[in-house]
Protein backbone atom coordinates (compact mmCIF):
# COMPACT_ATOMS: atom_id res chain seq x y z
CA MET A 1 -0.03 -0.09 0.07
CA PHE A 2 2.71 2.33 1.15
CA THR A 3 4.42 1.63 -2.66
CA GLU A 4 2.72 4.26 -4.54
CA LEU A 5 2.31 6.17 -1.43
CA ILE A 6 6.14 6.79 -1.10
CA THR A 7 8.70 7.97 -3.21
CA PRO A 8 11.50 10.38 -3.30
CA ALA A 9 9.16 12.49 -5.33
CA ILE A 10 6.43 12.39 -3.64
CA LEU A 11 8.26 13.18 -0.40
CA GLU A 12 9.89 16.16 -1.79
CA LYS A 13 6.66 17.61 -3.13
CA LEU A 14 5.11 17.32 0.26
CA ALA A 15 7.93 18.74 2.30
CA GLY A 16 9.66 21.36 -0.03
CA LYS A 17 12.86 21.20 -1.13
CA THR A 18 14.65 22.62 1.84
CA ALA A 19 12.79 20.31 4.04
CA PHE A 20 13.62 17.50 2.16
CA GLN A 21 17.07 18.18 1.87
CA ARG A 22 17.17 18.07 5.85
CA GLY A 23 15.11 15.00 6.06
CA ARG A 24 17.44 13.39 3.78
CA ASP A 25 20.56 14.56 6.16
CA TYR A 26 18.96 13.05 9.07
CA PHE A 27 18.17 9.85 7.42
CA SER A 28 21.94 9.92 6.16
CA LEU A 29 23.03 10.46 9.80
CA GLY A 30 21.20 7.32 11.19
CA ALA A 31 18.90 9.85 13.33
CA VAL A 32 16.02 7.69 12.58
CA GLY A 33 15.11 4.69 15.09
CA PRO A 34 13.72 1.30 14.47
CA LEU A 35 10.66 1.36 12.28
CA ARG A 36 7.50 -0.11 13.55
CA ILE A 37 5.56 -1.17 10.34
CA THR A 38 1.78 -2.20 9.98
CA GLU A 39 -0.19 -2.73 6.52
CA THR A 40 -1.53 0.72 7.19
CA ARG A 41 1.19 2.76 9.48
CA ILE A 42 5.01 3.11 9.70
CA SER A 43 6.01 4.70 12.99
CA ALA A 44 9.61 5.56 14.51
CA LYS A 45 11.44 7.99 16.51
CA VAL A 46 13.71 10.57 15.15
CA GLU A 47 16.52 12.28 17.17
CA GLY A 48 16.82 15.89 16.73
CA THR A 49 17.01 18.76 18.75
CA GLU A 50 14.46 16.79 21.10
CA SER A 51 13.21 12.92 20.34
CA TYR A 52 10.39 13.13 18.22
CA ARG A 53 7.56 10.62 17.33
CA VAL A 54 6.89 10.17 13.63
CA GLU A 55 4.07 8.44 11.80
CA LEU A 56 2.99 8.00 8.47
CA ARG A 57 -0.19 6.23 7.50
CA ALA A 58 -1.69 5.05 4.21
CA GLY A 59 -5.11 6.06 2.89
CA ASP A 60 -6.53 7.70 -0.51
CA GLU A 61 -3.21 9.81 0.23
CA LEU A 62 -0.05 9.82 2.59
CA ASP A 63 -1.11 11.57 6.02
CA TYR A 64 0.97 12.05 8.45
CA ASP A 65 1.87 13.21 12.05
CA CYS A 66 5.04 14.49 14.06
CA THR A 67 5.55 15.75 17.53
CA CYS A 68 7.51 18.63 16.12
CA PRO A 69 6.29 22.14 16.33
CA ARG A 70 6.48 22.50 12.37
CA ALA A 71 3.86 19.58 12.29
CA ALA A 72 1.36 21.11 14.61
CA ASP A 73 1.53 23.70 12.14
CA GLY A 74 0.34 21.57 9.36
CA TYR A 75 3.38 20.54 7.63
CA PHE A 76 5.19 17.88 6.35
CA CYS A 77 8.13 18.17 8.37
CA LYS A 78 11.86 16.99 7.87
CA HIS A 79 11.60 14.26 10.27
CA CYS A 80 8.43 12.68 8.12
CA VAL A 81 10.79 12.95 5.24
CA ALA A 82 13.42 10.88 7.23
CA ILE A 83 11.35 8.11 8.33
CA GLY A 84 9.84 7.84 4.73
CA LEU A 85 13.22 7.62 3.20
CA ALA A 86 14.20 4.95 5.99
CA TRP A 87 11.14 2.84 4.69
CA LEU A 88 12.14 3.09 1.13
CA ALA A 89 15.78 2.11 2.18
CA GLY A 90 14.57 -1.42 3.10
CA HIS A 91 11.12 -1.68 1.51
CA GLY A 92 10.71 0.81 -1.53
CA ASP A 93 11.89 0.64 -4.94
CA GLY A 94 15.24 1.92 -4.15
CA GLY A 95 16.66 -1.60 -3.16
CA LYS A 96 15.69 -3.15 -6.32
CA LYS A 97 17.28 -0.47 -8.38
CA ALA A 98 20.19 -0.58 -6.40
CA ALA A 99 20.33 -4.33 -7.36
CA ALA A 100 19.75 -3.87 -10.83
CA SER A 101 22.65 -1.28 -11.27
CA GLY A 102 25.08 -3.48 -9.53
CA ARG A 103 25.64 -1.24 -6.41
CA LYS A 104 25.69 -2.99 -3.18
CA LYS A 105 22.61 -2.99 -1.05
CA LYS A 106 22.75 -1.52 2.21
CA ARG A 107 22.88 -4.19 5.42
CA ASP A 108 19.94 -4.91 6.89
CA PRO A 109 20.79 -4.29 10.68
CA TRP A 110 17.98 -6.32 11.85
CA ARG A 111 19.06 -9.30 9.78
CA ASP A 112 22.59 -8.71 11.39
CA ILE A 113 21.15 -8.59 15.04
CA ARG A 114 19.11 -11.76 14.51
CA GLU A 115 22.03 -14.17 13.19
CA TYR A 116 24.11 -12.83 15.77
CA LEU A 117 21.36 -13.76 18.49
CA ALA A 118 20.87 -16.65 16.90
CA ALA A 119 24.19 -17.94 17.59
CA GLN A 120 23.84 -16.96 21.31
CA PRO A 121 23.83 -19.80 23.82
CA GLN A 122 20.24 -19.70 25.91
CA ASP A 123 22.37 -18.53 29.17
CA ALA A 124 23.81 -15.52 27.19
CA LEU A 125 20.50 -14.37 25.74
CA VAL A 126 18.50 -14.48 29.17
CA ALA A 127 21.40 -12.47 30.63
CA LEU A 128 21.30 -9.88 28.02
CA LEU A 129 17.47 -9.30 27.86
CA LEU A 130 17.61 -8.96 32.01
CA ASP A 131 20.39 -6.14 31.21
CA VAL A 132 18.22 -4.55 28.83
CA ALA A 133 15.15 -4.87 30.74
CA GLN A 134 16.79 -3.10 33.84
CA ARG A 135 17.18 0.24 31.39
CA ASP A 136 13.80 -0.40 29.38
CA ASP A 137 10.61 0.11 31.52
CA ARG A 138 8.42 -1.13 28.21
CA LEU A 139 10.60 -4.32 28.08
CA TYR A 140 10.37 -4.92 31.48
CA GLN A 141 6.57 -4.82 32.15
CA SER A 142 6.36 -6.63 28.99
CA LEU A 143 8.41 -9.52 30.25
CA LEU A 144 6.68 -9.44 33.68
CA LEU A 145 3.32 -10.28 31.95
CA ARG A 146 4.49 -12.81 30.31
CA ALA A 147 6.20 -14.23 33.33
CA GLU A 148 2.84 -14.03 35.45
CA ARG A 149 1.00 -15.77 32.68
CA TYR A 150 3.75 -18.39 32.60
CA GLY A 151 4.08 -18.94 36.27
CA GLY A 152 0.58 -19.19 36.92
CA GLY A 153 0.05 -15.90 39.00
CA ASP A 154 -2.45 -13.37 39.31
CA ILE A 155 -2.98 -12.33 35.91
CA VAL A 156 -5.70 -10.04 36.72
CA ALA A 157 -3.88 -8.22 39.41
CA THR A 158 -0.62 -8.18 37.58
CA TYR A 159 -2.40 -6.69 34.31
CA ARG A 160 -4.13 -3.73 36.54
CA ARG A 161 -0.84 -3.17 37.88
CA ALA A 162 0.50 -2.59 34.27
CA ILE A 163 -2.41 -0.59 33.34
CA ASP A 164 -2.24 1.46 36.44
CA ALA A 165 1.30 2.12 35.83
CA ALA A 166 0.97 2.99 32.08
CA THR A 167 -1.97 5.25 32.86
CA SER A 168 -0.67 7.19 35.56
CA ILE A 169 -0.65 10.83 35.08
CA HIS A 170 1.17 13.48 37.57
CA ASP A 171 0.86 16.41 35.76
CA PHE A 172 -0.45 17.73 32.12
CA ILE A 173 0.78 16.08 29.15
CA ASP A 174 1.02 18.16 26.23
CA TRP A 175 1.31 17.17 22.53
CA ARG A 176 4.85 17.08 22.67
CA GLU A 177 5.24 14.66 25.39
CA VAL A 178 1.93 12.24 24.55
CA GLY A 179 4.41 9.92 22.26
CA SER A 180 5.62 8.28 25.19
CA PHE A 181 2.38 8.09 27.25
CA ALA A 182 0.82 6.18 23.98
CA ASP A 183 4.07 3.96 23.73
CA ASN A 184 3.43 2.75 27.00
CA ILE A 185 -0.36 2.15 26.70
CA GLU A 186 0.28 0.29 23.52
CA GLU A 187 2.63 -1.81 24.98
CA VAL A 188 0.00 -3.08 27.51
CA ALA A 189 -2.59 -3.19 24.63
CA ASP A 190 -0.11 -5.82 22.74
CA SER A 191 -0.03 -7.80 25.87
CA LEU A 192 -3.57 -7.84 26.27
CA ALA A 193 -4.13 -9.11 22.62
CA GLU A 194 -2.11 -12.29 23.62
CA LEU A 195 -5.17 -13.21 25.90
CA LEU A 196 -7.63 -13.26 23.24
CA LYS A 197 -7.64 -17.08 23.51
CA PRO A 198 -10.80 -19.09 24.60
CA GLY A 199 -9.00 -19.71 28.31
CA THR A 200 -8.22 -16.14 28.84
CA ALA A 201 -10.89 -14.38 27.03
CA ALA A 202 -13.28 -14.05 29.88
CA VAL A 203 -10.33 -12.17 31.77
CA LEU A 204 -9.84 -10.07 28.72
CA VAL A 205 -13.25 -8.68 28.79
CA GLU A 206 -12.65 -7.46 32.48
CA LEU A 207 -9.05 -6.19 31.55
CA THR A 208 -9.83 -4.35 28.42
CA GLU A 209 -12.78 -2.37 30.38
CA TYR A 210 -10.76 -1.66 32.95
CA ALA A 211 -8.02 -0.22 30.47
CA ILE A 212 -10.21 1.90 28.53
CA VAL A 213 -12.14 3.48 31.55
CA ARG A 214 -8.42 4.53 32.98
CA THR A 215 -7.02 5.47 29.56
CA GLU A 216 -10.33 7.69 28.91
CA ASP A 217 -9.73 9.33 32.48
CA ALA A 218 -6.09 9.77 31.90
CA LEU A 219 -7.08 11.81 28.50
CA GLU A 220 -8.63 14.50 30.57
CA GLN A 221 -5.29 15.42 30.85
CA ILE A 222 -3.75 14.81 27.71
CA ASP A 223 -3.43 16.78 24.57
CA ASP A 224 -4.13 13.96 22.10
CA SER A 225 -4.14 16.40 18.92
CA SER A 226 -2.48 13.52 16.99
CA GLY A 227 -4.78 10.96 18.05
CA SER A 228 -2.34 8.23 18.95
CA VAL A 229 -3.99 7.43 22.17
CA GLY A 230 -7.68 7.55 20.92
CA GLU A 231 -6.61 5.13 18.26
CA ILE A 232 -5.50 2.68 20.91
CA VAL A 233 -8.28 3.36 23.01
CA TYR A 234 -10.76 2.45 19.99
CA ARG A 235 -8.47 -0.56 19.40
CA LEU A 236 -8.87 -1.94 23.11
CA GLY A 237 -12.89 -1.39 22.41
CA GLU A 238 -12.34 -3.67 19.22
CA LEU A 239 -10.35 -6.32 21.71
CA HIS A 240 -13.24 -5.95 23.82
CA LEU A 241 -15.76 -6.85 21.30
CA LYS A 242 -13.78 -10.08 20.31
CA ALA A 243 -13.31 -11.22 23.80
CA CYS A 244 -17.12 -11.01 24.36
CA ALA A 245 -17.80 -13.00 21.30
CA MET A 246 -15.11 -15.31 22.48
CA ALA A 247 -15.88 -15.76 26.17
CA ARG A 248 -19.54 -15.33 25.89
CA PRO A 249 -20.07 -13.40 29.36
CA GLU A 250 -23.63 -13.55 30.99
CA PRO A 251 -25.81 -11.32 29.25
CA THR A 252 -27.87 -9.21 31.41
CA ALA A 253 -24.74 -8.42 33.71
CA LEU A 254 -22.90 -7.48 30.58
CA ALA A 255 -25.86 -5.35 29.52
CA GLU A 256 -25.53 -3.40 32.51
CA ARG A 257 -21.40 -2.91 32.20
CA LEU A 258 -22.07 -1.96 28.58
CA PHE A 259 -24.60 0.66 29.48
CA ARG A 260 -22.59 2.24 31.96
CA LEU A 261 -19.54 2.42 29.96
CA GLU A 262 -21.67 4.14 27.19
CA MET A 263 -23.35 6.25 29.50
CA GLY A 264 -20.27 7.23 31.46
CA LEU A 265 -17.24 7.69 29.63
CA SER A 266 -16.14 11.07 29.06
CA PHE A 267 -15.29 10.64 25.19
CA GLY A 268 -16.90 8.02 24.00
CA LEU A 269 -13.97 6.72 21.91
CA CYS A 270 -15.23 3.27 21.30
CA SER A 271 -18.86 2.11 21.04
CA PHE A 272 -20.63 0.13 24.06
CA SER A 273 -24.20 0.55 22.09
CA ALA A 274 -26.66 -2.56 22.30
CA VAL A 275 -26.26 -2.31 18.42
CA THR A 276 -22.60 -2.82 18.37
CA TYR A 277 -23.23 -6.03 20.86
CA ARG A 278 -26.30 -7.27 19.72
CA LYS A 279 -24.79 -10.43 18.51
CA VAL A 280 -23.13 -11.13 22.16
CA LEU A 281 -26.07 -10.01 23.99
CA GLY A 282 -28.82 -12.12 22.47
CA LYS A 283 -32.53 -11.63 23.48
CA ALA A 284 -32.23 -11.40 27.17
CA GLY A 285 -28.77 -9.16 26.88
CA LEU A 286 -30.72 -6.33 24.57
CA GLN A 287 -33.69 -6.57 26.75
CA ARG A 288 -31.87 -5.56 29.90
CA TYR A 289 -30.20 -3.18 28.17
CA ARG A 290 -33.09 -1.48 26.66
CA GLU A 291 -34.75 -1.45 30.11
CA LEU A 292 -31.88 0.44 31.43
CA ALA A 293 -32.26 3.08 28.51
CA GLU A 294 -35.68 3.64 28.91
CA ALA A 295 -35.74 3.79 32.92
CA GLU A 296 -33.20 6.92 32.23
CA TRP A 297 -35.11 8.34 28.89
CA GLY A 298 -37.96 8.59 31.49
CA LYS A 299 -36.23 11.24 33.13
CA ILE A 300 -35.68 13.37 30.02
CA LYS A 301 -37.79 16.50 29.73
CA PRO A 302 -39.23 17.48 26.45
CA TRP A 303 -37.15 20.75 24.79
CA LYS A 304 -39.09 23.08 23.11
CA GLN A 305 -36.93 26.34 23.07
CA ASP A 306 -33.22 26.65 22.39
CA GLY A 307 -30.65 28.56 24.11
CA ARG A 308 -29.68 25.36 26.56
CA ASP A 309 -26.56 24.52 27.82
CA PHE A 310 -25.16 21.29 26.36
CA ASP A 311 -26.18 18.60 28.46
CA SER A 312 -24.42 15.55 28.00
CA HIS A 313 -26.25 12.86 30.01
CA ARG A 314 -29.58 14.20 27.93
CA PHE A 315 -26.98 13.49 24.57
CA ARG A 316 -25.78 10.34 25.61
CA VAL A 317 -29.29 8.85 26.41
CA THR A 318 -31.02 10.23 23.47
CA HIS A 319 -28.19 8.83 21.35
CA ILE A 320 -28.76 5.42 22.85
CA MET A 321 -32.32 5.21 22.13
CA GLU A 322 -32.27 6.64 19.03
CA LYS A 323 -29.73 3.33 17.83
CA LEU A 324 -32.50 1.17 19.40
CA ALA A 325 -35.08 2.64 17.92
CA GLU A 326 -32.83 2.76 14.21
CA ALA A 327 -32.35 -1.07 14.90
CA SER A 328 -35.99 -2.08 15.49
CA GLY A 329 -37.02 -0.30 12.44
CA ASP A 330 -39.79 1.51 14.53
CA ILE A 331 -39.96 4.85 12.62
CA GLU A 332 -42.44 5.82 14.93
CA GLU A 333 -40.36 5.22 17.93
CA LEU A 334 -37.66 7.42 16.48
CA VAL A 335 -39.66 9.93 15.50
CA ALA A 336 -41.06 10.11 19.24
CA ILE A 337 -37.47 10.28 20.48
CA LYS A 338 -36.58 13.05 18.05
CA ALA A 339 -39.59 14.70 19.23
CA ARG A 340 -38.49 15.23 22.67
CA ASP A 341 -36.35 18.12 21.48
CA LEU A 342 -37.96 20.63 19.50
CA SER A 343 -35.77 23.66 20.55
CA SER A 344 -34.75 24.26 16.78
CA GLY A 345 -35.97 24.43 13.21
CA TYR A 346 -33.50 21.63 12.64
CA SER A 347 -35.12 19.76 15.08
CA TYR A 348 -38.27 19.66 13.09
CA LEU A 349 -36.19 19.20 9.61
CA THR A 350 -34.44 15.88 11.18
CA ILE A 351 -38.14 14.27 11.93
CA ALA A 352 -39.41 15.27 8.57
CA GLU A 353 -36.64 13.73 6.71
CA ILE A 354 -36.89 10.56 8.47
CA LEU A 355 -40.42 10.21 7.78
CA SER A 356 -39.59 11.34 3.96
CA LYS A 357 -37.01 8.69 3.68
CA ALA A 358 -39.69 6.29 4.95
CA GLY A 359 -42.07 7.15 2.44
CA GLN A 360 -44.40 9.31 4.74
CA ASP A 361 -44.29 12.34 2.84
CA ASP A 362 -47.60 13.57 3.87
CA LYS A 363 -46.16 13.61 7.54
CA ALA A 364 -42.93 14.70 6.61
CA LEU A 365 -44.43 17.94 5.08
CA ASP A 366 -46.76 18.50 8.39
CA TRP A 367 -43.69 18.10 10.49
CA ALA A 368 -41.57 20.84 8.08
CA GLU A 369 -44.76 23.10 8.23
CA ARG A 370 -44.85 22.90 12.06
CA GLY A 371 -40.69 23.95 12.25
CA LEU A 372 -41.30 26.56 9.85
CA LYS A 373 -44.26 28.36 12.11
CA ALA A 374 -42.35 27.26 15.17
CA PHE A 375 -39.65 29.63 14.23
CA PRO A 376 -40.59 32.08 11.96
CA ASP A 377 -37.89 34.31 12.73
CA ARG A 378 -34.91 31.93 13.35
CA THR A 379 -35.70 29.39 10.57
CA ASP A 380 -33.08 27.12 9.49
CA ASN A 381 -32.28 27.34 5.97
CA ARG A 382 -32.12 23.60 5.46
CA LEU A 383 -36.17 23.73 6.85
CA ARG A 384 -36.73 25.91 4.14
CA ASP A 385 -35.04 23.98 1.22
CA PHE A 386 -36.67 20.84 2.41
CA LEU A 387 -40.10 22.78 1.98
CA ALA A 388 -39.16 24.31 -1.11
CA ALA A 389 -38.24 20.79 -2.46
CA ALA A 390 -41.74 19.65 -1.18
CA TYR A 391 -43.73 22.34 -2.62
CA LEU A 392 -42.39 22.06 -5.97
CA LYS A 393 -43.00 18.32 -6.08
CA ARG A 394 -46.52 19.39 -5.28
CA LYS A 395 -46.91 22.03 -7.75
CA ARG A 396 -46.92 24.67 -4.94
CA ASN A 397 -44.51 26.69 -6.94
CA ASP A 398 -44.99 30.26 -5.57
CA GLU A 399 -44.51 28.93 -2.23
CA ALA A 400 -41.37 27.31 -3.24
CA LEU A 401 -40.13 30.51 -4.87
CA GLN A 402 -41.20 32.57 -1.75
CA LEU A 403 -39.11 30.37 0.44
CA THR A 404 -36.23 30.79 -1.73
CA TRP A 405 -36.29 34.42 -2.00
CA ILE A 406 -36.63 34.88 1.31
CA GLN A 407 -32.94 33.13 2.23
CA PHE A 408 -31.50 35.70 -0.81
CA GLU A 409 -33.01 38.41 0.73
CA GLU A 410 -31.83 37.84 4.16
CA ARG A 411 -28.27 37.12 2.93
CA PRO A 412 -27.28 38.29 -0.62
CA ASP A 413 -24.59 36.25 -1.56
CA LEU A 414 -23.76 33.72 -4.01
CA GLY A 415 -24.75 30.38 -2.75
CA TYR A 416 -28.44 31.90 -2.22
CA TYR A 417 -28.08 33.18 -5.69
CA LYS A 418 -27.65 29.76 -7.11
CA LYS A 419 -29.99 28.52 -5.01
CA LEU A 420 -32.57 31.23 -6.44
CA HIS A 421 -31.45 30.13 -9.73
CA GLY A 422 -31.88 26.61 -9.27
CA VAL A 423 -35.91 27.11 -8.59
CA ALA A 424 -36.19 30.11 -10.85
CA LYS A 425 -34.98 28.13 -13.66
CA HIS A 426 -37.01 24.67 -12.79
CA LEU A 427 -39.93 26.97 -13.15
CA GLY A 428 -38.97 28.51 -16.13
CA ILE A 429 -38.78 32.44 -15.01
CA TRP A 430 -35.47 32.77 -14.74
CA PRO A 431 -34.52 35.73 -16.40
CA GLY A 432 -37.34 38.21 -14.69
CA GLN A 433 -35.90 36.67 -11.55
CA ARG A 434 -32.56 37.43 -12.51
CA SER A 435 -33.22 40.75 -12.85
CA ARG A 436 -35.06 41.41 -9.71
CA ALA A 437 -31.98 39.45 -7.83
CA LEU A 438 -29.23 41.64 -9.53
CA ALA A 439 -31.48 44.92 -8.82
CA LEU A 440 -30.99 43.58 -5.08
CA VAL A 441 -27.59 43.14 -5.15
CA SER A 442 -27.19 46.91 -6.53
CA ASP A 443 -29.47 48.10 -3.66
CA THR A 444 -27.53 46.12 -1.03
CA SER A 445 -24.23 47.49 -2.02
CA THR A 446 -25.36 51.05 -1.87
CA ARG A 447 -27.61 50.60 1.62
CA GLU A 448 -24.52 48.83 3.02
CA ALA A 449 -22.26 52.00 1.82
CA VAL A 450 -24.04 54.57 3.42
CA LYS A 451 -24.26 52.89 6.95
CA THR A 452 -22.06 54.29 9.52
CA ASN A 453 -21.46 52.91 13.06
CA HIS A 454 -18.91 52.97 15.53
CA TRP A 455 -16.78 50.72 13.40
CA LYS A 456 -17.61 52.99 10.30
CA PRO A 457 -17.84 56.45 11.08
CA LYS A 458 -18.11 57.36 7.56
CA PRO A 459 -19.75 56.36 4.50
CA SER A 460 -18.19 54.38 2.03
CA ALA A 461 -17.91 53.61 -1.76
CA PRO A 462 -20.21 50.76 -2.68
CA ASP A 463 -18.56 47.66 -2.67
CA HIS A 464 -19.40 45.70 -5.87
CA SER A 465 -17.86 41.89 -4.85
CA LEU A 466 -21.08 40.23 -5.34
CA ARG A 467 -21.75 41.71 -8.34
CA VAL A 468 -18.62 40.55 -10.03
CA GLU A 469 -18.47 36.86 -8.23
CA ILE A 470 -21.97 36.46 -9.66
CA ALA A 471 -20.72 37.59 -13.11
CA LEU A 472 -17.54 35.05 -12.90
CA TRP A 473 -20.19 32.32 -11.92
CA GLU A 474 -22.45 33.17 -14.71
CA LYS A 475 -19.38 33.40 -17.23
CA ASP A 476 -20.01 36.96 -18.32
CA LEU A 477 -16.72 38.69 -18.48
CA ASP A 478 -18.02 41.55 -19.69
CA ALA A 479 -20.39 42.09 -16.99
CA ALA A 480 -17.49 41.25 -14.58
CA TRP A 481 -15.35 44.00 -15.84
CA ALA A 482 -17.91 46.49 -15.93
CA ALA A 483 -18.55 45.97 -12.36
CA ALA A 484 -14.96 45.65 -11.30
CA GLN A 485 -14.80 49.46 -12.73
CA GLN A 486 -17.44 50.81 -10.74
CA GLY A 487 -15.45 50.93 -7.30
CA VAL A 488 -14.48 48.56 -4.78
CA CYS A 489 -13.94 45.23 -5.17
CA ASP A 490 -12.53 42.08 -3.50
CA ARG A 491 -8.92 41.69 -4.74
CA ASN A 492 -9.21 37.72 -4.63
CA LEU A 493 -11.91 38.32 -7.33
CA LEU A 494 -10.02 41.07 -9.09
CA ILE A 495 -7.19 38.56 -9.68
CA ALA A 496 -9.70 35.56 -10.57
CA LEU A 497 -11.34 37.89 -13.21
CA ALA A 498 -7.81 38.89 -14.37
CA GLU A 499 -6.88 35.21 -15.06
CA LYS A 500 -10.21 34.66 -17.00
CA LEU A 501 -9.42 37.72 -19.13
CA GLU A 502 -5.83 36.91 -19.94
CA PRO A 503 -6.63 34.96 -23.38
CA ALA A 504 -8.66 37.46 -25.05
CA ARG A 505 -8.16 40.74 -23.15
CA PRO A 506 -4.66 40.71 -22.14
CA ASN A 507 -4.60 44.72 -21.78
CA ASP A 508 -7.47 44.39 -19.21
CA ALA A 509 -5.73 41.56 -17.10
CA ILE A 510 -2.88 43.81 -16.85
CA VAL A 511 -4.72 46.68 -15.86
CA LEU A 512 -6.14 44.32 -12.58
CA TYR A 513 -2.99 42.79 -11.84
CA ARG A 514 -1.47 46.24 -11.53
CA ARG A 515 -4.66 47.72 -9.58
CA VAL A 516 -4.20 44.73 -6.93
CA VAL A 517 -0.47 44.82 -6.50
CA PRO A 518 0.06 47.95 -4.50
CA PRO A 519 -2.53 47.09 -1.88
CA ILE A 520 -0.97 43.68 -1.23
CA VAL A 521 2.26 44.97 -0.83
CA GLU A 522 1.13 47.53 1.71
CA GLN A 523 0.52 44.42 4.05
CA THR A 524 3.91 44.53 4.72
CA ASN A 525 4.96 40.62 5.11
CA ASN A 526 7.16 38.35 3.24
CA ALA A 527 3.91 36.28 2.08
CA ALA A 528 2.28 39.12 0.61
CA TYR A 529 5.47 40.43 -1.30
CA GLU A 530 5.91 36.95 -2.69
CA GLU A 531 2.00 37.04 -3.74
CA ALA A 532 2.65 40.62 -5.26
CA ILE A 533 5.80 39.23 -7.10
CA LYS A 534 3.99 36.88 -8.73
CA LEU A 535 1.34 39.16 -10.19
CA VAL A 536 4.21 41.32 -11.42
CA ARG A 537 5.54 38.51 -13.32
CA LYS A 538 2.14 37.86 -14.85
CA VAL A 539 2.16 41.71 -15.97
CA GLY A 540 5.51 40.87 -17.31
CA LYS A 541 4.76 37.94 -19.04
CA LEU A 542 1.60 39.53 -20.56
CA MET A 543 3.48 42.76 -21.45
CA GLY A 544 6.49 40.89 -23.11
CA ALA A 545 4.29 38.70 -25.36
CA GLN A 546 2.92 42.25 -26.75
CA LYS A 547 6.51 43.24 -27.42
CA ARG A 548 6.18 45.79 -24.53
CA THR A 549 9.03 44.96 -22.55
CA GLY A 550 10.19 48.79 -22.20
CA GLU A 551 6.66 49.81 -20.76
CA PHE A 552 7.45 46.94 -18.20
CA VAL A 553 10.91 48.29 -17.41
CA GLY A 554 8.91 51.51 -16.24
CA TYR A 555 6.34 49.93 -14.52
CA LEU A 556 9.00 48.00 -12.18
CA ALA A 557 11.01 51.45 -11.78
CA GLU A 558 7.23 52.83 -10.43
CA LEU A 559 7.17 50.03 -8.14
CA ARG A 560 10.83 50.52 -6.98
CA VAL A 561 10.22 54.23 -6.09
CA ARG A 562 6.83 53.59 -4.57
CA PHE A 563 8.17 50.94 -2.14
CA LYS A 564 11.55 51.95 -2.03
CA PRO A 565 11.35 51.46 1.97
CA LYS A 566 10.24 48.00 1.81
CA ARG A 567 13.97 46.19 1.47
CA ASN A 568 12.68 42.64 1.27
CA PHE A 569 10.23 43.49 -1.40
CA ILE A 570 12.70 45.42 -3.53
CA LYS A 571 15.02 42.31 -3.07
CA LEU A 572 12.35 40.00 -5.01
CA LEU A 573 11.77 42.81 -7.53
CA ASP A 574 15.32 42.63 -8.61
CA GLY A 575 14.86 39.15 -9.29
CA VAL A 576 12.26 39.94 -11.64
CA SER A 577 14.23 42.79 -13.35
CA ARG A 578 17.32 40.00 -13.68
CA ALA A 579 15.02 37.74 -15.16
CA PHE A 580 13.83 39.81 -17.82
CA SER A 581 17.01 41.04 -18.31
CA VAL A 582 16.86 44.68 -17.21
CA GLY A 583 18.72 47.06 -14.95
């Protein structure tokens, strides 16, 4: 799976040339620790200014995580490059190419170690392992757990001590330190997985429940932004389900524990719902789970207004009841559960959608209309969209159009303009509705310009951004150009318009690029300077194609004079001058 996701070219593209080179240096210097490789994950520690925990994950594309600050900002860092190159050295095409070219392949250190150990007598191996275990807490815990199982000791007590040790926290753990915590939990999870056998599955059920509770409690004091601890909890949940399927614990007692876990865990990272465990619970267990859920549900009071604080207990009980109703296929029960919370227009919409999906269109329409009536001033636009579609289906065209117009009038923007276009075009009346909509756009920009408040004490020039945006969507470059010339407009829209105008109307494109360069430079930061230089280069390319190099030289001189104090920008501008062979 990683073969297509990890290549030198991909690593350089993700990291950029500078980070790629630094990552290659890290790899060459041996800073990458042993790789831990599964079908979908490669992880290792990379030694830099600190010890960083790095992980590459396979998906539709290469995903990554590292505990360094640059990765925390969303960048594919040099440490990710380093372990990618390390994987390539042992598993990628690099080894094949080296063999094909006759070059000597790099020695495999793991093979060398394996061959050395295989040649040692048993006593020497035991002494070596004990010596390492004294310096490695993870290895010590792993050996201790295995020794307890081998010696017939109290497995439960031993594992509980190991879980306690791995999950104990004395202070908040930030994202840079979470790797060590995750490593300890993962080691315990690996050892627990060895108990998934008929003779120890029942013990595993108890221990995984304990481990999940302890780890979720610990997460209250952990910044698990990388999700590494959460992933282990999820794995423990899968192990618990498998252990239950193998051990077949008494169903009613299991139902009671599952319900407590589903209701009580702070993060709910793995599911303990009756639906997830239905095969294990059987009829008796499912009945007991439902009894417990309905007892809590009976305490939940109806909500008919918004503005309430989030109630985690209510949310959990509601979620459990909804899952039970969905599993039973009882639409009326599900609607009754949803109807306990009618605190927003969206609440009515969810019920309408359930009924519509079940083919009960009349009931669905009734619930949607009730929602509109209950929230006339704070209506969820998704509810209006549902109603508009239902009205169109019933040929109640005027009502459908009105609901769409209300949205555009409340918030004139391109999204609602498109929505209005869809309905009006369906009805065959778009030209007239378009004229009305564009008139509203013009009136709105004029009204907003003359408004004043604490932050805008004086009237301003009308903003024609929406008109330009609409014209671009309609592919009407003449209208977009005309609107852009009227005054204020978002510079990103001006750049987008200029790009559209380049092929057929390069002079107009040049005008727009020259218009947006100064305000970008005035932001006074390097990112803005680089953005401005890209546009300057576009101007140069367009002028050069028209044999207007001299005019471009004058333009560069004008910029140099105007922005002389901005030294970093002038340096970039000098680079443009050299590229165009001008002084």
